Every structure is written in C-alpha cells, then in structure tokens.
Amino acid sequence: MARPQKIQFNVNQSEYERLKKYAQKKDLSMAEVLRDYIKSLPAIE
C-alpha cells in the first residue's frame, strides 16, 4: 500500500523510549505502532 502522506512531529526522550520499547516488545516498527493506533481511532462524521 502506498503511503503518500508524511507526518512529522517531536517527542521528548521518555516518550521516544516508551514507544521504542513497546514496538520492540510487539516486534513492530515504531511507525507500525503509530499507524495501528490511528486505525483504532473512531470515525468522525
């Protein structure tokens, strides 16, 4: 699946480490963790 949109934002060191450890534990990339979270958001109409 092509992903033409890019999101870039800053996190502090503890947020980065938390995301990194979670992704490693789940054997996912950090980007996959964030994409999965976005998919879980409720639709807004």
N, C-alpha and C. Protein backbone atom coordinates (compact mmCIF):
# COMPACT_ATOMS: atom_id res chain seq x y z
N MET A 1 0.86 -1.19 0.00
CA MET A 1 0.00 0.00 0.00
C MET A 1 0.90 1.24 0.00
N ALA A 2 0.66 2.12 -0.93
CA ALA A 2 1.42 3.37 -0.99
C ALA A 2 1.01 4.28 0.16
N ARG A 3 1.96 4.99 0.69
CA ARG A 3 1.69 5.93 1.80
C ARG A 3 2.19 7.31 1.38
N PRO A 4 1.37 8.05 0.65
CA PRO A 4 1.82 9.33 0.12
C PRO A 4 1.89 10.47 1.14
N GLN A 5 1.27 10.31 2.28
CA GLN A 5 1.26 11.38 3.28
C GLN A 5 2.31 11.11 4.34
N LYS A 6 2.99 12.16 4.76
CA LYS A 6 4.03 12.04 5.79
C LYS A 6 3.67 12.95 6.95
N ILE A 7 3.80 12.40 8.16
CA ILE A 7 3.57 13.18 9.38
C ILE A 7 4.88 13.21 10.14
N GLN A 8 5.25 14.39 10.58
CA GLN A 8 6.48 14.53 11.33
C GLN A 8 6.19 15.36 12.58
N PHE A 9 6.62 14.86 13.75
CA PHE A 9 6.42 15.61 14.98
C PHE A 9 7.50 15.24 15.98
N ASN A 10 7.64 16.04 16.99
CA ASN A 10 8.67 15.84 18.01
C ASN A 10 8.09 15.23 19.27
N VAL A 11 8.89 14.38 19.91
CA VAL A 11 8.54 13.80 21.20
C VAL A 11 9.74 13.99 22.12
N ASN A 12 9.47 13.95 23.42
CA ASN A 12 10.60 14.05 24.34
C ASN A 12 11.28 12.68 24.47
N GLN A 13 12.39 12.65 25.19
CA GLN A 13 13.18 11.42 25.29
C GLN A 13 12.41 10.27 25.92
N SER A 14 11.64 10.56 26.96
CA SER A 14 10.91 9.48 27.63
C SER A 14 9.79 8.94 26.74
N GLU A 15 9.13 9.80 25.98
CA GLU A 15 8.09 9.35 25.04
C GLU A 15 8.71 8.47 23.95
N TYR A 16 9.87 8.89 23.46
CA TYR A 16 10.57 8.13 22.42
C TYR A 16 10.94 6.74 22.94
N GLU A 17 11.52 6.68 24.13
CA GLU A 17 11.93 5.40 24.71
C GLU A 17 10.73 4.49 24.97
N ARG A 18 9.64 5.08 25.42
CA ARG A 18 8.43 4.30 25.68
C ARG A 18 7.90 3.68 24.39
N LEU A 19 7.82 4.47 23.33
CA LEU A 19 7.37 3.97 22.03
C LEU A 19 8.32 2.91 21.50
N LYS A 20 9.60 3.16 21.59
CA LYS A 20 10.61 2.24 21.10
C LYS A 20 10.51 0.89 21.81
N LYS A 21 10.43 0.90 23.13
CA LYS A 21 10.34 -0.34 23.91
C LYS A 21 9.05 -1.10 23.59
N TYR A 22 7.94 -0.38 23.46
CA TYR A 22 6.66 -1.01 23.13
C TYR A 22 6.76 -1.68 21.77
N ALA A 23 7.31 -0.98 20.79
CA ALA A 23 7.44 -1.52 19.43
C ALA A 23 8.32 -2.76 19.43
N GLN A 24 9.43 -2.71 20.15
CA GLN A 24 10.32 -3.87 20.21
C GLN A 24 9.63 -5.06 20.85
N LYS A 25 8.90 -4.81 21.92
CA LYS A 25 8.19 -5.90 22.62
C LYS A 25 7.16 -6.56 21.70
N LYS A 26 6.50 -5.77 20.86
CA LYS A 26 5.49 -6.28 19.94
C LYS A 26 6.09 -6.73 18.60
N ASP A 27 7.40 -6.57 18.44
CA ASP A 27 8.10 -6.90 17.20
C ASP A 27 7.53 -6.13 16.01
N LEU A 28 7.32 -4.84 16.22
CA LEU A 28 6.82 -3.92 15.20
C LEU A 28 7.77 -2.74 15.08
N SER A 29 7.66 -2.02 13.98
CA SER A 29 8.39 -0.75 13.88
C SER A 29 7.60 0.30 14.66
N MET A 30 8.27 1.37 15.01
CA MET A 30 7.57 2.46 15.71
C MET A 30 6.48 3.04 14.81
N ALA A 31 6.74 3.12 13.51
CA ALA A 31 5.74 3.63 12.57
C ALA A 31 4.51 2.73 12.54
N GLU A 32 4.72 1.41 12.59
CA GLU A 32 3.58 0.48 12.59
C GLU A 32 2.73 0.66 13.84
N VAL A 33 3.38 0.87 14.97
CA VAL A 33 2.64 1.09 16.22
C VAL A 33 1.75 2.32 16.07
N LEU A 34 2.31 3.40 15.54
CA LEU A 34 1.54 4.64 15.38
C LEU A 34 0.42 4.48 14.36
N ARG A 35 0.70 3.80 13.24
CA ARG A 35 -0.35 3.57 12.24
C ARG A 35 -1.47 2.71 12.82
N ASP A 36 -1.12 1.69 13.60
CA ASP A 36 -2.15 0.85 14.23
C ASP A 36 -3.01 1.67 15.19
N TYR A 37 -2.38 2.57 15.93
CA TYR A 37 -3.15 3.43 16.84
C TYR A 37 -4.13 4.31 16.06
N ILE A 38 -3.65 4.90 14.99
CA ILE A 38 -4.51 5.76 14.17
C ILE A 38 -5.70 4.97 13.64
N LYS A 39 -5.45 3.72 13.20
CA LYS A 39 -6.54 2.87 12.70
C LYS A 39 -7.58 2.58 13.78
N SER A 40 -7.16 2.61 15.04
CA SER A 40 -8.08 2.30 16.14
C SER A 40 -8.96 3.49 16.54
N LEU A 41 -8.67 4.67 16.03
CA LEU A 41 -9.46 5.86 16.38
C LEU A 41 -10.87 5.74 15.80
N PRO A 42 -11.86 6.20 16.52
CA PRO A 42 -13.23 6.12 15.99
C PRO A 42 -13.42 7.08 14.81
N ALA A 43 -14.26 6.68 13.90
CA ALA A 43 -14.58 7.53 12.75
C ALA A 43 -15.39 8.74 13.23
N ILE A 44 -15.12 9.88 12.65
CA ILE A 44 -15.86 11.11 12.97
C ILE A 44 -16.59 11.54 11.71
N GLU A 45 -17.89 11.67 11.84
CA GLU A 45 -18.71 12.04 10.67
C GLU A 45 -19.28 13.43 10.83
